[in-house]
PDB file of all heavy atoms in Angstrom:
ATOM      1  N   TYR A   1     -29.440  33.719  22.786  1.00  0.00           N
ATOM      2  CA  TYR A   1     -30.594  32.959  22.316  1.00  0.00           C
ATOM      3  C   TYR A   1     -31.495  33.903  21.485  1.00  0.00           C
ATOM      4  O   TYR A   1     -31.423  35.069  21.670  1.00  0.00           O
ATOM      5  CB  TYR A   1     -31.411  32.491  23.516  1.00  0.00           C
ATOM      6  CG  TYR A   1     -30.648  31.649  24.505  1.00  0.00           C
ATOM      7  CD1 TYR A   1     -30.109  32.120  25.650  1.00  0.00           C
ATOM      8  CD2 TYR A   1     -30.496  30.253  24.296  1.00  0.00           C
ATOM      9  CE1 TYR A   1     -29.367  31.378  26.533  1.00  0.00           C
ATOM     10  CE2 TYR A   1     -29.856  29.403  25.110  1.00  0.00           C
ATOM     11  CZ  TYR A   1     -29.255  29.988  26.306  1.00  0.00           C
ATOM     12  OH  TYR A   1     -28.538  29.206  27.143  1.00  0.00           O
ATOM     13  N   MET A   2     -32.257  33.202  20.638  1.00  0.00           N
ATOM     14  CA  MET A   2     -33.281  33.940  19.936  1.00  0.00           C
ATOM     15  C   MET A   2     -34.591  33.139  19.981  1.00  0.00           C
ATOM     16  O   MET A   2     -34.618  32.099  19.367  1.00  0.00           O
ATOM     17  CB  MET A   2     -32.941  34.337  18.521  1.00  0.00           C
ATOM     18  CG  MET A   2     -34.001  35.191  17.906  1.00  0.00           C
ATOM     19  SD  MET A   2     -33.406  36.094  16.447  1.00  0.00           S
ATOM     20  CE  MET A   2     -33.280  34.763  15.309  1.00  0.00           C
ATOM     21  N   GLN A   3     -35.531  33.575  20.783  1.00  0.00           N
ATOM     22  CA  GLN A   3     -36.830  32.968  20.866  1.00  0.00           C
ATOM     23  C   GLN A   3     -37.683  33.464  19.694  1.00  0.00           C
ATOM     24  O   GLN A   3     -37.848  34.622  19.579  1.00  0.00           O
ATOM     25  CB  GLN A   3     -37.504  33.241  22.226  1.00  0.00           C
ATOM     26  CG  GLN A   3     -38.886  32.698  22.415  1.00  0.00           C
ATOM     27  CD  GLN A   3     -38.888  31.190  22.450  1.00  0.00           C
ATOM     28  OE1 GLN A   3     -37.997  30.561  23.024  1.00  0.00           O
ATOM     29  NE2 GLN A   3     -39.892  30.541  21.790  1.00  0.00           N
ATOM     30  N   MET A   4     -38.188  32.566  18.904  1.00  0.00           N
ATOM     31  CA  MET A   4     -38.983  32.935  17.770  1.00  0.00           C
ATOM     32  C   MET A   4     -40.373  32.391  17.875  1.00  0.00           C
ATOM     33  O   MET A   4     -40.561  31.132  17.934  1.00  0.00           O
ATOM     34  CB  MET A   4     -38.357  32.406  16.445  1.00  0.00           C
ATOM     35  CG  MET A   4     -36.895  32.852  16.257  1.00  0.00           C
ATOM     36  SD  MET A   4     -36.166  32.360  14.696  1.00  0.00           S
ATOM     37  CE  MET A   4     -36.322  30.556  14.792  1.00  0.00           C
ATOM     38  N   ASP A   5     -41.337  33.244  18.048  1.00  0.00           N
ATOM     39  CA  ASP A   5     -42.772  32.859  18.240  1.00  0.00           C
ATOM     40  C   ASP A   5     -43.595  33.343  17.044  1.00  0.00           C
ATOM     41  O   ASP A   5     -43.150  34.225  16.242  1.00  0.00           O
ATOM     42  CB  ASP A   5     -43.286  33.476  19.516  1.00  0.00           C
ATOM     43  CG  ASP A   5     -42.613  32.914  20.730  1.00  0.00           C
ATOM     44  OD1 ASP A   5     -42.244  31.789  20.788  1.00  0.00           O
ATOM     45  OD2 ASP A   5     -42.421  33.772  21.686  1.00  0.00           O
ATOM     46  N   SER A   6     -44.774  32.791  16.915  1.00  0.00           N
ATOM     47  CA  SER A   6     -45.718  33.190  15.841  1.00  0.00           C
ATOM     48  C   SER A   6     -44.991  33.104  14.427  1.00  0.00           C
ATOM     49  O   SER A   6     -45.104  34.066  13.646  1.00  0.00           O
ATOM     50  CB  SER A   6     -46.240  34.577  16.082  1.00  0.00           C
ATOM     51  OG  SER A   6     -46.906  34.605  17.294  1.00  0.00           O
ATOM     52  N   LEU A   7     -44.293  32.080  14.223  1.00  0.00           N
ATOM     53  CA  LEU A   7     -43.505  31.988  13.004  1.00  0.00           C
ATOM     54  C   LEU A   7     -44.386  31.899  11.740  1.00  0.00           C
ATOM     55  O   LEU A   7     -45.548  31.303  11.772  1.00  0.00           O
ATOM     56  CB  LEU A   7     -42.628  30.691  13.081  1.00  0.00           C
ATOM     57  CG  LEU A   7     -41.383  30.851  13.959  1.00  0.00           C
ATOM     58  CD1 LEU A   7     -40.768  29.504  14.329  1.00  0.00           C
ATOM     59  CD2 LEU A   7     -40.337  31.698  13.205  1.00  0.00           C
ATOM     60  N   LYS A   8     -43.856  32.503  10.715  1.00  0.00           N
ATOM     61  CA  LYS A   8     -44.579  32.585   9.384  1.00  0.00           C
ATOM     62  C   LYS A   8     -43.766  31.876   8.297  1.00  0.00           C
ATOM     63  O   LYS A   8     -42.561  31.788   8.396  1.00  0.00           O
ATOM     64  CB  LYS A   8     -44.824  34.020   9.006  1.00  0.00           C
ATOM     65  CG  LYS A   8     -45.508  34.859  10.099  1.00  0.00           C
ATOM     66  CD  LYS A   8     -45.471  36.368   9.644  1.00  0.00           C
ATOM     67  CE  LYS A   8     -46.093  37.232  10.697  1.00  0.00           C
ATOM     68  NZ  LYS A   8     -46.123  38.652  10.307  1.00  0.00           N
ATOM     69  N   PRO A   9     -44.343  31.414   7.244  1.00  0.00           N
ATOM     70  CA  PRO A   9     -43.588  30.885   6.114  1.00  0.00           C
ATOM     71  C   PRO A   9     -42.488  31.820   5.641  1.00  0.00           C
ATOM     72  O   PRO A   9     -41.426  31.314   5.186  1.00  0.00           O
ATOM     73  CB  PRO A   9     -44.674  30.641   5.151  1.00  0.00           C
ATOM     74  CG  PRO A   9     -45.944  30.419   5.841  1.00  0.00           C
ATOM     75  CD  PRO A   9     -45.834  31.329   7.002  1.00  0.00           C
ATOM     76  N   ASP A  10     -42.752  33.151   5.716  1.00  0.00           N
ATOM     77  CA  ASP A  10     -41.667  34.075   5.220  1.00  0.00           C
ATOM     78  C   ASP A  10     -40.503  34.058   6.142  1.00  0.00           C
ATOM     79  O   ASP A  10     -39.428  34.705   5.764  1.00  0.00           O
ATOM     80  CB  ASP A  10     -42.303  35.486   5.199  1.00  0.00           C
ATOM     81  CG  ASP A  10     -43.166  35.643   3.971  1.00  0.00           C
ATOM     82  OD1 ASP A  10     -43.151  34.812   3.053  1.00  0.00           O
ATOM     83  OD2 ASP A  10     -43.806  36.711   3.918  1.00  0.00           O
ATOM     84  N   ASP A  11     -40.557  33.443   7.347  1.00  0.00           N
ATOM     85  CA  ASP A  11     -39.387  33.373   8.159  1.00  0.00           C
ATOM     86  C   ASP A  11     -38.525  32.218   7.808  1.00  0.00           C
ATOM     87  O   ASP A  11     -37.372  32.058   8.372  1.00  0.00           O
ATOM     88  CB  ASP A  11     -39.816  33.183   9.712  1.00  0.00           C
ATOM     89  CG  ASP A  11     -40.581  34.320  10.228  1.00  0.00           C
ATOM     90  OD1 ASP A  11     -40.193  35.459   9.980  1.00  0.00           O
ATOM     91  OD2 ASP A  11     -41.649  34.108  10.946  1.00  0.00           O
ATOM     92  N   THR A  12     -38.879  31.398   6.806  1.00  0.00           N
ATOM     93  CA  THR A  12     -38.022  30.331   6.357  1.00  0.00           C
ATOM     94  C   THR A  12     -36.682  30.890   5.785  1.00  0.00           C
ATOM     95  O   THR A  12     -36.681  31.714   4.911  1.00  0.00           O
ATOM     96  CB  THR A  12     -38.718  29.488   5.251  1.00  0.00           C
ATOM     97  OG1 THR A  12     -39.868  28.902   5.855  1.00  0.00           O
ATOM     98  CG2 THR A  12     -37.871  28.486   4.684  1.00  0.00           C
ATOM     99  N   ALA A  13     -35.595  30.375   6.304  1.00  0.00           N
ATOM    100  CA  ALA A  13     -34.265  30.802   5.922  1.00  0.00           C
ATOM    101  C   ALA A  13     -33.194  30.050   6.684  1.00  0.00           C
ATOM    102  O   ALA A  13     -33.570  29.328   7.635  1.00  0.00           O
ATOM    103  CB  ALA A  13     -34.107  32.342   6.221  1.00  0.00           C
ATOM    104  N   VAL A  14     -31.946  30.223   6.257  1.00  0.00           N
ATOM    105  CA  VAL A  14     -30.841  29.797   7.133  1.00  0.00           C
ATOM    106  C   VAL A  14     -30.526  30.971   8.031  1.00  0.00           C
ATOM    107  O   VAL A  14     -30.352  32.130   7.553  1.00  0.00           O
ATOM    108  CB  VAL A  14     -29.626  29.425   6.295  1.00  0.00           C
ATOM    109  CG1 VAL A  14     -28.514  28.966   7.135  1.00  0.00           C
ATOM    110  CG2 VAL A  14     -30.013  28.231   5.331  1.00  0.00           C
ATOM    111  N   TYR A  15     -30.485  30.690   9.283  1.00  0.00           N
ATOM    112  CA  TYR A  15     -30.169  31.748  10.287  1.00  0.00           C
ATOM    113  C   TYR A  15     -28.759  31.631  10.742  1.00  0.00           C
ATOM    114  O   TYR A  15     -28.293  30.567  11.102  1.00  0.00           O
ATOM    115  CB  TYR A  15     -31.139  31.599  11.523  1.00  0.00           C
ATOM    116  CG  TYR A  15     -32.534  32.081  11.168  1.00  0.00           C
ATOM    117  CD1 TYR A  15     -33.366  31.392  10.344  1.00  0.00           C
ATOM    118  CD2 TYR A  15     -33.009  33.239  11.802  1.00  0.00           C
ATOM    119  CE1 TYR A  15     -34.612  31.854  10.047  1.00  0.00           C
ATOM    120  CE2 TYR A  15     -34.230  33.726  11.451  1.00  0.00           C
ATOM    121  CZ  TYR A  15     -35.089  33.057  10.553  1.00  0.00           C
ATOM    122  OH  TYR A  15     -36.335  33.505  10.269  1.00  0.00           O
ATOM    123  N   TYR A  16     -28.042  32.727  10.748  1.00  0.00           N
ATOM    124  CA  TYR A  16     -26.648  32.874  11.081  1.00  0.00           C
ATOM    125  C   TYR A  16     -26.458  33.774  12.243  1.00  0.00           C
ATOM    126  O   TYR A  16     -27.045  34.852  12.396  1.00  0.00           O
ATOM    127  CB  TYR A  16     -25.843  33.413   9.907  1.00  0.00           C
ATOM    128  CG  TYR A  16     -25.810  32.592   8.665  1.00  0.00           C
ATOM    129  CD1 TYR A  16     -26.672  32.775   7.639  1.00  0.00           C
ATOM    130  CD2 TYR A  16     -24.818  31.648   8.511  1.00  0.00           C
ATOM    131  CE1 TYR A  16     -26.703  32.007   6.540  1.00  0.00           C
ATOM    132  CE2 TYR A  16     -24.808  30.893   7.383  1.00  0.00           C
ATOM    133  CZ  TYR A  16     -25.675  31.071   6.359  1.00  0.00           C
ATOM    134  OH  TYR A  16     -25.699  30.252   5.216  1.00  0.00           O
ATOM    135  N   CYS A  17     -25.606  33.284  13.131  1.00  0.00           N
ATOM    136  CA  CYS A  17     -25.137  34.146  14.282  1.00  0.00           C
ATOM    137  C   CYS A  17     -23.826  34.836  13.876  1.00  0.00           C
ATOM    138  O   CYS A  17     -23.031  34.214  13.259  1.00  0.00           O
ATOM    139  CB  CYS A  17     -24.916  33.231  15.497  1.00  0.00           C
ATOM    140  SG  CYS A  17     -24.241  33.990  16.915  1.00  0.00           S
ATOM    141  N   ALA A  18     -23.703  36.062  14.189  1.00  0.00           N
ATOM    142  CA  ALA A  18     -22.579  36.869  13.913  1.00  0.00           C
ATOM    143  C   ALA A  18     -22.118  37.672  15.105  1.00  0.00           C
ATOM    144  O   ALA A  18     -23.020  38.137  15.890  1.00  0.00           O
ATOM    145  CB  ALA A  18     -22.803  37.777  12.698  1.00  0.00           C
ATOM    146  N   ALA A  19     -20.823  37.884  15.262  1.00  0.00           N
ATOM    147  CA  ALA A  19     -20.344  38.671  16.400  1.00  0.00           C
ATOM    148  C   ALA A  19     -19.108  39.495  16.064  1.00  0.00           C
ATOM    149  O   ALA A  19     -18.334  39.157  15.137  1.00  0.00           O
ATOM    150  CB  ALA A  19     -19.985  37.727  17.527  1.00  0.00           C
ATOM    151  N   ASP A  20     -18.991  40.612  16.723  1.00  0.00           N
ATOM    152  CA  ASP A  20     -17.844  41.374  16.573  1.00  0.00           C
ATOM    153  C   ASP A  20     -17.711  42.420  17.645  1.00  0.00           C
ATOM    154  O   ASP A  20     -18.781  42.731  18.244  1.00  0.00           O
ATOM    155  CB  ASP A  20     -17.713  42.096  15.184  1.00  0.00           C
ATOM    156  CG  ASP A  20     -16.367  42.176  14.640  1.00  0.00           C
ATOM    157  OD1 ASP A  20     -15.428  42.411  15.412  1.00  0.00           O
ATOM    158  OD2 ASP A  20     -16.186  41.921  13.428  1.00  0.00           O
ATOM    159  N   THR A  21     -16.581  42.929  17.897  1.00  0.00           N
ATOM    160  CA  THR A  21     -16.410  44.101  18.833  1.00  0.00           C
ATOM    161  C   THR A  21     -16.440  45.381  17.991  1.00  0.00           C
ATOM    162  O   THR A  21     -16.196  45.356  16.790  1.00  0.00           O
ATOM    163  CB  THR A  21     -15.075  43.922  19.613  1.00  0.00           C
ATOM    164  OG1 THR A  21     -14.016  43.891  18.596  1.00  0.00           O
ATOM    165  CG2 THR A  21     -15.070  42.642  20.402  1.00  0.00           C
ATOM    166  N   GLY A  22     -16.684  46.419  18.654  1.00  0.00           N
ATOM    167  CA  GLY A  22     -16.602  47.720  17.967  1.00  0.00           C
ATOM    168  C   GLY A  22     -17.626  47.989  16.932  1.00  0.00           C
ATOM    169  O   GLY A  22     -17.407  48.905  16.085  1.00  0.00           O
ATOM    170  N   VAL A  23     -18.726  47.285  16.975  1.00  0.00           N
ATOM    171  CA  VAL A  23     -19.766  47.612  16.006  1.00  0.00           C
ATOM    172  C   VAL A  23     -20.646  48.761  16.509  1.00  0.00           C
ATOM    173  O   VAL A  23     -21.252  48.699  17.571  1.00  0.00           O
ATOM    174  CB  VAL A  23     -20.667  46.359  15.838  1.00  0.00           C
ATOM    175  CG1 VAL A  23     -21.828  46.672  14.733  1.00  0.00           C
ATOM    176  CG2 VAL A  23     -19.899  45.138  15.420  1.00  0.00           C
ATOM    177  N   ILE A  24     -20.544  49.874  15.746  1.00  0.00           N
ATOM    178  CA  ILE A  24     -21.260  51.046  16.246  1.00  0.00           C
ATOM    179  C   ILE A  24     -22.733  50.909  15.971  1.00  0.00           C
ATOM    180  O   ILE A  24     -23.182  50.064  15.118  1.00  0.00           O
ATOM    181  CB  ILE A  24     -20.720  52.334  15.639  1.00  0.00           C
ATOM    182  CG1 ILE A  24     -20.892  52.314  14.124  1.00  0.00           C
ATOM    183  CG2 ILE A  24     -19.254  52.508  16.014  1.00  0.00           C
ATOM    184  CD1 ILE A  24     -20.432  53.619  13.428  1.00  0.00           C
ATOM    185  N   LEU A  25     -23.550  51.685  16.669  1.00  0.00           N
ATOM    186  CA  LEU A  25     -24.962  51.507  16.649  1.00  0.00           C
ATOM    187  C   LEU A  25     -25.473  51.606  15.194  1.00  0.00           C
ATOM    188  O   LEU A  25     -26.444  50.894  14.787  1.00  0.00           O
ATOM    189  CB  LEU A  25     -25.618  52.552  17.548  1.00  0.00           C
ATOM    190  CG  LEU A  25     -27.165  52.515  17.681  1.00  0.00           C
ATOM    191  CD1 LEU A  25     -27.584  51.142  18.194  1.00  0.00           C
ATOM    192  CD2 LEU A  25     -27.579  53.585  18.632  1.00  0.00           C
TER     193      LEU A  25
END
């Protein structure tokens, strides 16, 4: 989940979820 509070007009976008194993820091 991603809880988004205090949203601003600059937050307007298409939001994508991405996943993978082995992603280093």
